[in-house]
N, C-alpha and C. Protein backbone atom coordinates (compact mmCIF):
# COMPACT_ATOMS: atom_id res chain seq x y z
N MET A 1 105.36 -118.60 200.63
CA MET A 1 105.46 -117.75 199.83
C MET A 1 105.58 -117.88 198.11
N LYS A 2 106.31 -119.17 198.29
CA LYS A 2 106.91 -119.77 196.81
C LYS A 2 105.39 -120.09 196.32
N TYR A 3 105.02 -120.82 196.97
CA TYR A 3 103.59 -121.41 196.29
C TYR A 3 102.93 -120.88 195.69
N ILE A 4 102.40 -119.65 196.75
CA ILE A 4 101.73 -118.42 196.29
C ILE A 4 102.04 -117.92 194.97
N ALA A 5 103.40 -117.68 194.79
CA ALA A 5 103.85 -117.17 193.36
C ALA A 5 103.67 -118.52 192.50
N ILE A 6 103.69 -119.50 192.63
CA ILE A 6 103.33 -120.39 191.54
C ILE A 6 102.04 -120.93 191.15
N ILE A 7 101.09 -120.60 192.20
CA ILE A 7 99.97 -120.25 191.99
C ILE A 7 99.50 -119.22 191.21
N LEU A 8 99.78 -118.07 191.44
CA LEU A 8 99.47 -117.02 191.03
C LEU A 8 100.21 -117.03 189.24
N ILE A 9 101.31 -117.42 188.85
CA ILE A 9 101.72 -117.82 187.63
C ILE A 9 100.77 -119.01 186.99
N ALA A 10 100.35 -119.93 187.56
CA ALA A 10 99.66 -120.94 186.92
C ALA A 10 98.09 -119.97 186.30
N TRP A 11 97.76 -119.25 187.32
CA TRP A 11 96.66 -118.59 187.03
C TRP A 11 96.56 -117.60 185.94
N LEU A 12 97.76 -117.28 185.91
CA LEU A 12 97.80 -115.80 185.11
C LEU A 12 97.76 -116.60 183.65
N HIS A 13 98.91 -117.80 183.45
CA HIS A 13 98.71 -118.41 182.20
C HIS A 13 97.42 -118.85 181.66
N ILE A 14 96.55 -119.56 182.73
CA ILE A 14 95.03 -120.04 182.13
C ILE A 14 94.45 -118.98 181.89
N ASN A 15 94.40 -117.73 182.69
CA ASN A 15 93.42 -116.47 181.95
C ASN A 15 94.19 -116.03 180.56
N GLN A 16 95.09 -116.27 180.45
CA GLN A 16 95.84 -115.58 179.20
C GLN A 16 95.44 -116.58 178.11
N ALA A 17 95.16 -117.95 178.54
CA ALA A 17 94.52 -118.90 177.30
C ALA A 17 93.38 -118.54 177.27
N VAL A 18 92.44 -118.23 178.12
CA VAL A 18 91.30 -118.14 177.75
C VAL A 18 90.98 -117.11 177.35
N GLN A 19 91.56 -116.02 177.47
CA GLN A 19 91.27 -114.62 177.24
C GLN A 19 90.92 -114.53 175.77
N GLY A 20 90.38 -113.76 175.45
CA GLY A 20 89.79 -113.95 173.90
C GLY A 20 89.31 -114.83 173.24
N THR A 21 88.80 -115.80 173.84
CA THR A 21 88.10 -116.99 173.46
C THR A 21 86.76 -117.21 173.55
N TYR A 22 86.20 -117.32 172.25
CA TYR A 22 84.78 -117.05 172.37
C TYR A 22 83.94 -118.62 171.75
N VAL A 23 82.92 -118.52 172.24
CA VAL A 23 82.00 -120.13 171.72
C VAL A 23 80.89 -119.66 171.32
N SER A 24 80.49 -120.91 170.65
CA SER A 24 79.22 -121.16 170.14
C SER A 24 78.44 -122.22 170.35
N LYS A 25 77.24 -122.26 170.82
CA LYS A 25 76.70 -123.60 171.18
C LYS A 25 75.53 -123.84 170.39
N ASN A 26 75.02 -123.12 169.68
CA ASN A 26 74.19 -123.41 168.87
C ASN A 26 74.30 -122.74 167.33
N ALA A 27 75.28 -123.50 166.74
CA ALA A 27 75.67 -122.99 165.01
C ALA A 27 74.70 -123.53 164.53
N ARG A 28 74.41 -123.02 163.54
CA ARG A 28 73.37 -123.41 162.43
C ARG A 28 74.12 -123.78 160.94
N VAL A 29 73.75 -124.93 160.61
CA VAL A 29 74.63 -125.82 159.59
C VAL A 29 73.27 -126.49 158.87
N ASN A 30 73.47 -125.85 157.45
CA ASN A 30 72.58 -126.37 156.30
C ASN A 30 73.36 -127.14 155.41
N LEU A 31 72.78 -128.34 155.05
CA LEU A 31 73.30 -129.02 153.65
C LEU A 31 72.18 -128.82 153.00
N TYR A 32 72.38 -128.95 151.50
CA TYR A 32 71.66 -128.68 150.01
C TYR A 32 72.17 -129.65 149.22
N SER A 33 71.35 -130.22 148.56
CA SER A 33 71.82 -130.95 147.21
C SER A 33 70.96 -131.07 146.43
N LYS A 34 71.24 -130.81 144.96
CA LYS A 34 70.09 -130.54 144.09
C LYS A 34 70.54 -131.55 142.90
N ALA A 35 69.31 -132.48 143.09
CA ALA A 35 69.54 -133.54 142.12
C ALA A 35 68.37 -133.52 141.22
N PRO A 36 68.51 -134.15 140.03
CA PRO A 36 67.71 -134.22 138.71
C PRO A 36 66.13 -134.74 139.27
N LEU A 37 65.93 -135.86 140.78
CA LEU A 37 64.51 -135.96 140.85
C LEU A 37 63.75 -135.41 142.38
N GLU A 38 65.25 -135.15 142.94
CA GLU A 38 64.73 -134.62 144.18
C GLU A 38 65.82 -133.82 145.03
N ASP A 39 65.51 -132.81 145.50
CA ASP A 39 66.34 -131.82 146.55
C ASP A 39 66.42 -132.56 147.82
N ILE A 40 67.65 -132.22 148.22
CA ILE A 40 67.63 -132.46 149.73
C ILE A 40 68.38 -131.46 150.40
N ASP A 41 67.37 -130.99 151.62
CA ASP A 41 67.66 -130.21 152.34
C ASP A 41 67.49 -130.45 153.73
N ALA A 42 68.47 -130.24 154.31
CA ALA A 42 68.53 -130.39 155.99
C ALA A 42 69.33 -129.26 156.62
N THR A 43 68.85 -129.24 157.71
CA THR A 43 69.56 -127.97 158.79
C THR A 43 69.65 -128.79 160.45
N SER A 44 70.91 -128.17 161.16
CA SER A 44 71.11 -128.62 162.39
C SER A 44 71.37 -127.26 162.95
N GLN A 45 70.62 -126.98 164.40
CA GLN A 45 71.07 -125.90 165.14
C GLN A 45 71.88 -126.16 166.20
N LYS A 46 72.62 -127.39 166.29
CA LYS A 46 73.31 -127.90 167.83
C LYS A 46 74.94 -127.71 167.01
N GLY A 47 75.36 -126.93 166.29
CA GLY A 47 76.87 -126.93 165.80
C GLY A 47 77.39 -126.41 166.96
N THR A 48 78.53 -126.41 167.42
CA THR A 48 79.63 -125.92 168.12
C THR A 48 80.95 -125.32 167.79
N SER A 49 81.34 -124.24 168.32
CA SER A 49 82.41 -124.12 168.25
C SER A 49 83.45 -123.02 168.84
N VAL A 50 84.50 -123.12 168.71
CA VAL A 50 85.87 -122.22 169.44
C VAL A 50 86.30 -121.68 169.06
N PHE A 51 86.52 -120.00 169.14
CA PHE A 51 87.27 -119.38 168.42
C PHE A 51 88.35 -118.55 169.58
N ASN A 52 89.48 -118.71 168.92
CA ASN A 52 90.67 -117.87 169.85
C ASN A 52 90.85 -116.58 169.11
N ALA A 53 90.28 -115.48 169.65
CA ALA A 53 90.38 -114.11 168.69
C ALA A 53 91.98 -113.84 169.04
N ALA A 54 92.68 -114.26 169.77
CA ALA A 54 94.01 -114.12 170.04
C ALA A 54 95.15 -114.45 168.97
N THR A 55 94.75 -116.02 168.68
CA THR A 55 95.62 -116.46 167.41
C THR A 55 94.56 -117.18 166.38
N GLY A 56 93.67 -116.75 166.22
CA GLY A 56 92.80 -117.14 164.74
C GLY A 56 92.56 -118.61 165.05
N ASP A 57 92.87 -119.18 165.88
CA ASP A 57 92.26 -120.57 165.49
C ASP A 57 91.13 -121.10 166.06
N LEU A 58 90.44 -121.90 165.31
CA LEU A 58 88.96 -122.05 165.06
C LEU A 58 88.85 -123.88 164.90
N ALA A 59 87.73 -124.29 165.67
CA ALA A 59 87.38 -125.44 165.54
C ALA A 59 85.65 -125.59 165.53
N PHE A 60 85.31 -126.55 165.12
CA PHE A 60 84.02 -126.71 164.59
C PHE A 60 83.32 -128.15 164.69
N SER A 61 82.46 -128.25 165.57
CA SER A 61 81.57 -129.59 165.33
C SER A 61 80.25 -129.78 165.40
N VAL A 62 80.11 -130.59 164.49
CA VAL A 62 78.36 -130.65 164.31
C VAL A 62 77.48 -132.06 164.66
N PRO A 63 77.15 -132.62 165.19
CA PRO A 63 76.59 -134.11 165.38
C PRO A 63 75.69 -134.26 164.05
N ILE A 64 76.16 -135.51 163.52
CA ILE A 64 75.40 -135.61 162.31
C ILE A 64 73.88 -136.29 162.46
N ARG A 65 73.55 -136.65 163.35
CA ARG A 65 72.27 -136.98 163.34
C ARG A 65 71.45 -135.73 163.99
N SER A 66 71.61 -134.60 164.17
CA SER A 66 71.27 -133.57 164.46
C SER A 66 70.60 -132.65 163.29
N PHE A 67 70.69 -133.53 162.45
CA PHE A 67 70.30 -132.70 160.75
C PHE A 67 68.63 -133.23 160.93
N VAL A 68 67.74 -132.17 160.52
CA VAL A 68 66.55 -132.36 160.56
C VAL A 68 66.19 -131.88 159.06
N PHE A 69 65.41 -133.31 158.29
CA PHE A 69 64.83 -133.03 157.04
C PHE A 69 63.59 -133.22 156.99
N GLU A 70 62.67 -132.50 155.78
CA GLU A 70 61.62 -132.46 155.65
C GLU A 70 60.79 -133.93 155.51
N LYS A 71 61.55 -134.78 155.22
CA LYS A 71 60.86 -136.01 155.08
C LYS A 71 61.90 -137.02 156.46
N SER A 72 60.88 -137.52 156.79
CA SER A 72 61.66 -138.42 157.86
C SER A 72 62.56 -139.43 157.16
N LEU A 73 62.02 -140.21 156.11
CA LEU A 73 62.58 -141.25 155.38
C LEU A 73 63.91 -140.83 154.97
N MET A 74 64.05 -139.45 154.67
CA MET A 74 65.44 -139.02 153.68
C MET A 74 66.53 -138.92 155.07
N GLN A 75 65.71 -138.38 156.29
CA GLN A 75 66.49 -138.51 157.44
C GLN A 75 66.90 -139.52 157.79
N GLU A 76 66.38 -140.84 157.93
CA GLU A 76 66.73 -142.24 158.27
C GLU A 76 67.80 -142.77 157.03
N HIS A 77 67.66 -142.57 155.90
CA HIS A 77 68.59 -142.87 154.75
C HIS A 77 69.95 -142.06 155.17
N PHE A 78 69.83 -140.63 155.14
CA PHE A 78 70.97 -140.14 155.30
C PHE A 78 72.21 -140.78 156.64
N ASN A 79 71.39 -140.86 157.88
CA ASN A 79 71.98 -141.40 159.00
C ASN A 79 72.14 -142.78 158.61
N GLU A 80 71.77 -143.34 158.35
CA GLU A 80 72.04 -145.04 158.12
C GLU A 80 72.73 -145.80 157.15
N ASN A 81 72.47 -145.03 155.84
CA ASN A 81 72.76 -145.26 154.47
C ASN A 81 73.80 -144.71 154.05
N TYR A 82 73.88 -143.58 154.15
CA TYR A 82 75.21 -142.57 153.46
C TYR A 82 76.23 -142.20 154.50
N MET A 83 75.64 -141.63 155.91
CA MET A 83 77.08 -141.02 156.65
C MET A 83 77.32 -142.04 158.01
N GLU A 84 76.80 -142.99 157.69
CA GLU A 84 76.98 -144.20 159.12
C GLU A 84 76.84 -143.28 160.16
N SER A 85 76.05 -142.56 160.57
CA SER A 85 76.44 -141.72 162.09
C SER A 85 76.34 -142.28 162.96
N ASP A 86 76.08 -143.62 163.64
CA ASP A 86 76.55 -144.60 164.66
C ASP A 86 77.80 -144.96 164.74
N LYS A 87 78.68 -145.13 163.31
CA LYS A 87 80.01 -145.21 163.49
C LYS A 87 80.82 -143.70 163.10
N TYR A 88 80.39 -142.95 162.40
CA TYR A 88 80.90 -141.42 162.02
C TYR A 88 79.59 -140.43 162.96
N PRO A 89 79.86 -140.22 164.23
CA PRO A 89 78.74 -139.15 164.91
C PRO A 89 78.83 -137.78 164.54
N ASN A 90 79.86 -137.04 164.33
CA ASN A 90 80.42 -135.90 163.76
C ASN A 90 81.07 -135.59 163.01
N ALA A 91 80.94 -134.34 162.14
CA ALA A 91 81.62 -133.73 161.23
C ALA A 91 82.48 -132.58 162.02
N SER A 92 83.85 -132.26 161.45
CA SER A 92 84.48 -131.35 162.37
C SER A 92 85.46 -130.38 161.49
N PHE A 93 85.97 -129.25 162.16
CA PHE A 93 86.81 -128.58 161.18
C PHE A 93 87.73 -128.20 162.22
N LYS A 94 89.19 -128.01 162.04
CA LYS A 94 89.54 -127.58 163.03
C LYS A 94 90.90 -126.72 162.39
N GLY A 95 91.34 -125.30 162.39
CA GLY A 95 91.89 -124.71 161.42
C GLY A 95 92.19 -123.57 161.84
N LYS A 96 92.89 -122.71 161.12
CA LYS A 96 93.22 -121.30 161.74
C LYS A 96 92.67 -120.23 160.39
N ILE A 97 92.61 -119.31 161.03
CA ILE A 97 92.08 -117.89 160.17
C ILE A 97 93.29 -117.14 159.97
N GLN A 98 93.33 -117.05 158.69
CA GLN A 98 94.57 -116.50 157.93
C GLN A 98 94.47 -114.85 158.33
N GLN A 99 95.27 -114.22 158.32
CA GLN A 99 95.17 -112.65 158.31
C GLN A 99 93.89 -111.99 159.14
N LEU A 100 94.09 -112.34 160.39
CA LEU A 100 92.66 -112.10 161.34
C LEU A 100 92.66 -110.49 160.98
N PRO A 101 91.07 -110.27 161.03
CA PRO A 101 91.00 -108.97 160.94
C PRO A 101 90.74 -108.17 162.63
N ASN A 102 90.92 -106.67 162.66
CA ASN A 102 91.20 -106.01 163.68
C ASN A 102 89.51 -105.93 164.48
N LEU A 103 89.49 -106.88 165.36
CA LEU A 103 88.34 -107.53 165.91
C LEU A 103 87.59 -106.69 167.03
N SER A 104 88.20 -105.31 166.89
CA SER A 104 88.29 -104.36 167.84
C SER A 104 86.80 -103.26 167.13
N LYS A 105 87.20 -103.53 165.74
CA LYS A 105 86.34 -102.27 164.98
C LYS A 105 85.09 -103.12 164.47
N ASN A 106 83.85 -102.24 164.50
CA ASN A 106 82.77 -103.02 163.59
C ASN A 106 82.76 -103.26 162.26
N GLY A 107 82.39 -104.03 161.80
CA GLY A 107 82.47 -104.54 160.44
C GLY A 107 82.26 -105.45 159.83
N THR A 108 81.95 -106.09 158.43
CA THR A 108 82.17 -107.40 157.64
C THR A 108 83.59 -107.22 157.47
N TYR A 109 84.42 -108.51 157.42
CA TYR A 109 85.52 -108.90 157.15
C TYR A 109 85.57 -110.45 156.24
N PRO A 110 86.25 -110.28 155.35
CA PRO A 110 86.26 -111.48 154.41
C PRO A 110 87.38 -112.45 155.13
N VAL A 111 87.13 -113.54 155.24
CA VAL A 111 88.65 -114.23 156.38
C VAL A 111 88.67 -115.87 155.13
N THR A 112 89.63 -115.61 155.41
CA THR A 112 90.01 -117.26 154.93
C THR A 112 90.59 -118.30 155.96
N VAL A 113 90.19 -119.32 156.01
CA VAL A 113 90.64 -120.33 157.35
C VAL A 113 91.07 -121.26 156.37
N THR A 114 92.44 -121.90 156.75
CA THR A 114 92.82 -123.59 156.48
C THR A 114 93.33 -124.58 157.57
N GLY A 115 92.75 -125.32 157.10
CA GLY A 115 92.62 -126.90 157.90
C GLY A 115 92.10 -127.67 157.87
N THR A 116 91.62 -128.89 158.68
CA THR A 116 91.44 -130.37 158.22
C THR A 116 89.85 -130.30 158.61
N PHE A 117 89.13 -130.71 158.09
CA PHE A 117 87.70 -131.05 157.46
C PHE A 117 87.73 -132.34 157.43
N GLU A 118 86.76 -133.33 159.04
CA GLU A 118 86.40 -134.46 158.42
C GLU A 118 84.95 -134.63 158.63
N THR A 119 84.44 -135.58 158.04
CA THR A 119 83.21 -135.88 157.99
C THR A 119 83.23 -137.44 157.43
N HIS A 120 82.82 -138.47 157.87
CA HIS A 120 82.51 -139.31 157.45
C HIS A 120 83.95 -140.86 157.70
N GLY A 121 84.54 -140.35 158.68
CA GLY A 121 85.84 -140.62 159.19
C GLY A 121 86.99 -140.42 158.30
N VAL A 122 86.88 -139.14 157.33
CA VAL A 122 87.87 -139.12 155.90
C VAL A 122 88.18 -137.67 156.15
N LYS A 123 88.93 -137.40 157.00
CA LYS A 123 89.79 -136.36 156.79
C LYS A 123 90.47 -135.33 155.49
N GLN A 124 90.25 -134.10 155.49
CA GLN A 124 90.69 -133.33 154.08
C GLN A 124 91.32 -132.00 154.54
N ALA A 125 92.18 -131.61 154.25
CA ALA A 125 92.94 -130.59 154.24
C ALA A 125 91.30 -129.42 153.25
N ARG A 126 91.67 -128.38 153.93
CA ARG A 126 90.40 -127.33 153.71
C ARG A 126 90.94 -126.13 153.50
N THR A 127 90.82 -125.43 152.48
CA THR A 127 90.79 -123.65 152.64
C THR A 127 89.60 -123.24 152.38
N ILE A 128 88.85 -122.62 153.51
CA ILE A 128 87.20 -122.04 153.43
C ILE A 128 87.29 -120.76 153.15
N THR A 129 86.85 -120.23 152.35
CA THR A 129 86.55 -118.66 152.56
C THR A 129 84.89 -118.30 153.52
N GLY A 130 85.16 -117.05 154.31
CA GLY A 130 83.84 -116.86 154.86
C GLY A 130 83.64 -115.34 155.57
N LYS A 131 83.06 -115.14 156.04
CA LYS A 131 83.08 -113.82 157.07
C LYS A 131 82.96 -113.71 158.15
N ILE A 132 83.44 -112.25 158.93
CA ILE A 132 83.55 -112.28 159.94
C ILE A 132 82.55 -111.13 160.56
N MET A 133 82.12 -111.08 161.03
CA MET A 133 80.69 -109.89 161.57
C MET A 133 81.58 -109.55 162.88
N VAL A 134 81.58 -108.19 162.98
CA VAL A 134 81.89 -107.71 164.36
C VAL A 134 80.79 -106.52 164.63
N ASN A 135 80.11 -106.36 166.05
CA ASN A 135 78.93 -105.76 166.16
C ASN A 135 79.26 -104.99 167.45
N ASP A 136 79.67 -104.22 168.15
CA ASP A 136 79.74 -103.51 169.47
C ASP A 136 80.27 -105.20 170.35
N GLY A 137 81.48 -105.55 169.75
CA GLY A 137 82.31 -106.81 170.18
C GLY A 137 81.41 -107.87 170.57
N SER A 138 80.54 -107.98 169.57
CA SER A 138 79.66 -109.36 169.37
C SER A 138 80.53 -110.13 168.16
N ILE A 139 80.52 -111.28 168.11
CA ILE A 139 81.47 -111.86 166.90
C ILE A 139 80.45 -112.91 166.30
N SER A 140 79.95 -112.79 165.00
CA SER A 140 79.56 -113.99 164.24
C SER A 140 80.22 -114.26 162.94
N MET A 141 80.05 -115.69 162.69
CA MET A 141 80.76 -115.77 161.37
C MET A 141 79.81 -116.55 160.32
N THR A 142 80.10 -116.48 159.25
CA THR A 142 79.54 -117.16 158.10
C THR A 142 80.43 -118.05 157.18
N ALA A 143 79.94 -118.84 156.82
CA ALA A 143 80.87 -120.00 155.35
C ALA A 143 80.07 -120.52 154.66
N GLU A 144 80.62 -121.06 153.33
CA GLU A 144 79.66 -121.92 152.44
C GLU A 144 80.61 -122.30 151.55
N PHE A 145 80.70 -123.70 151.94
CA PHE A 145 81.45 -124.73 150.81
C PHE A 145 81.26 -125.78 150.34
N MET A 146 81.49 -126.59 149.50
CA MET A 146 80.99 -127.63 149.02
C MET A 146 82.01 -128.87 149.39
N VAL A 147 81.17 -129.91 149.55
CA VAL A 147 81.60 -131.09 150.10
C VAL A 147 81.11 -132.37 148.98
N LEU A 148 82.72 -132.70 148.33
CA LEU A 148 82.23 -134.22 147.31
C LEU A 148 82.13 -135.33 148.18
N CYS A 149 81.12 -136.01 148.10
CA CYS A 149 80.90 -137.15 148.65
C CYS A 149 81.74 -138.37 148.15
N LYS A 150 82.52 -138.41 146.88
CA LYS A 150 83.76 -139.57 147.07
C LYS A 150 84.74 -139.16 147.76
N ASP A 151 84.83 -137.80 147.98
CA ASP A 151 85.90 -137.63 148.91
C ASP A 151 86.08 -138.16 150.13
N HIS A 152 84.81 -138.18 150.57
CA HIS A 152 84.89 -138.77 152.03
C HIS A 152 84.20 -139.98 152.13
N LYS A 153 84.40 -140.78 150.93
CA LYS A 153 84.04 -142.33 150.63
C LYS A 153 82.48 -142.45 151.29
N ILE A 154 81.49 -141.45 150.89
CA ILE A 154 80.26 -141.46 151.17
C ILE A 154 79.93 -141.95 149.57
N ASP A 155 79.49 -143.57 150.02
CA ASP A 155 79.25 -144.24 148.34
C ASP A 155 77.51 -143.54 148.26
N ILE A 156 77.19 -143.67 146.89
CA ILE A 156 76.01 -143.44 146.21
C ILE A 156 75.68 -144.40 145.34
N PRO A 157 74.71 -145.29 146.03
CA PRO A 157 74.30 -146.61 144.73
C PRO A 157 73.99 -145.83 143.38
N THR A 158 74.18 -146.76 142.23
CA THR A 158 73.45 -146.21 141.06
C THR A 158 72.48 -146.20 140.85
N ILE A 159 71.51 -147.17 141.61
CA ILE A 159 69.97 -147.11 141.90
C ILE A 159 69.25 -145.77 142.23
N VAL A 160 70.43 -145.04 143.29
CA VAL A 160 69.47 -143.62 143.58
C VAL A 160 70.45 -142.53 142.76
N PHE A 161 71.29 -142.67 142.27
CA PHE A 161 72.30 -141.42 141.76
C PHE A 161 71.71 -140.20 141.37
N LYS A 162 70.37 -140.34 140.48
CA LYS A 162 69.44 -139.46 140.16
C LYS A 162 68.84 -138.31 141.64
N ASN A 163 68.74 -138.98 142.30
CA ASN A 163 68.15 -138.64 143.86
C ASN A 163 69.01 -137.92 144.28
N ILE A 164 70.18 -138.34 144.29
CA ILE A 164 71.33 -137.81 145.41
C ILE A 164 72.56 -137.24 144.44
N ALA A 165 72.86 -135.71 144.56
CA ALA A 165 73.94 -135.15 143.90
C ALA A 165 75.13 -135.68 144.35
N GLU A 166 76.05 -135.62 143.60
CA GLU A 166 77.45 -135.82 144.06
C GLU A 166 78.47 -135.15 144.80
N SER A 167 77.33 -133.71 145.17
CA SER A 167 78.45 -132.71 145.96
C SER A 167 77.12 -132.19 146.77
N ILE A 168 77.75 -131.62 147.84
CA ILE A 168 76.64 -131.21 148.96
C ILE A 168 77.20 -129.57 149.33
N ARG A 169 76.36 -129.06 149.17
CA ARG A 169 76.67 -127.38 149.59
C ARG A 169 76.31 -127.11 150.90
N ILE A 170 77.31 -126.65 151.94
CA ILE A 170 77.39 -126.87 153.35
C ILE A 170 77.45 -125.15 153.60
N GLN A 171 76.43 -124.57 154.62
CA GLN A 171 76.19 -123.44 154.97
C GLN A 171 76.36 -123.27 156.39
N VAL A 172 77.18 -122.40 157.05
CA VAL A 172 77.57 -122.25 158.24
C VAL A 172 77.39 -121.01 158.82
N ALA A 173 76.53 -120.59 160.33
CA ALA A 173 76.23 -119.49 160.58
C ALA A 173 76.46 -119.64 162.24
N ALA A 174 77.46 -119.07 162.91
CA ALA A 174 77.66 -118.91 164.38
C ALA A 174 77.96 -117.92 164.88
N SER A 175 77.06 -117.29 165.89
CA SER A 175 77.43 -116.33 166.84
C SER A 175 77.82 -116.75 168.18
N TYR A 176 79.07 -116.00 168.39
CA TYR A 176 79.84 -116.01 169.36
C TYR A 176 79.64 -115.57 170.68
N THR A 177 79.91 -115.85 172.11
CA THR A 177 79.99 -114.97 173.11
C THR A 177 81.25 -115.34 173.86
N LEU A 178 81.88 -114.35 174.45
CA LEU A 178 83.17 -114.55 175.31
C LEU A 178 83.17 -115.42 176.18
N TYR A 179 83.86 -116.67 176.09
CA TYR A 179 83.77 -117.47 177.09
C TYR A 179 84.16 -117.26 178.66
N GLN A 180 83.57 -117.35 179.63
CA GLN A 180 83.90 -116.65 180.79
C GLN A 180 83.75 -117.98 182.16
N PRO A 181 85.08 -118.22 182.44
CA PRO A 181 85.14 -119.16 183.32
C PRO A 181 84.60 -119.24 184.53
N LYS A 182 84.20 -120.39 184.76
CA LYS A 182 83.07 -120.19 186.23
C LYS A 182 84.13 -120.83 187.32
N ASN A 183 84.00 -119.74 188.25
CA ASN A 183 85.32 -119.59 189.32
C ASN A 183 84.75 -120.17 190.56
């Protein structure tokens, strides 16, 4: 009987840990750079995210190589020359939503997330604003923020400084589903 009680207590703790946990497996991430000679625009549909609705904890990751550019040469230069995707394969964010809204009510809620953004091997403390949309139990989130190349040691050779902006606009959109552990 003692062992059954221990197993039930462990099971309750595990269920409480995943209760209210949402996942997104195909978040859309767009990066855009406006430069004098050529704009750079790329999109990934392979972002993944985990959101704990009880605590506000949020984690996000996107494979750098998953960004698709209109021009294949741009994509190659992005991965090999600037982002060094083989060495730094992912960009990520881990943080916490401040003042979590009531997610049991439909609506669009502005939120602020504080945490650590990492790309190109450089971590940076960030505060990012975004929105949470709740519609009949479905949760989605959007955010937009700027990344300065110099903050993440992404070198832009002077020969191409008119082709690449020093700041990149990042837009994120993720739809979440409630995590259901497999039994």
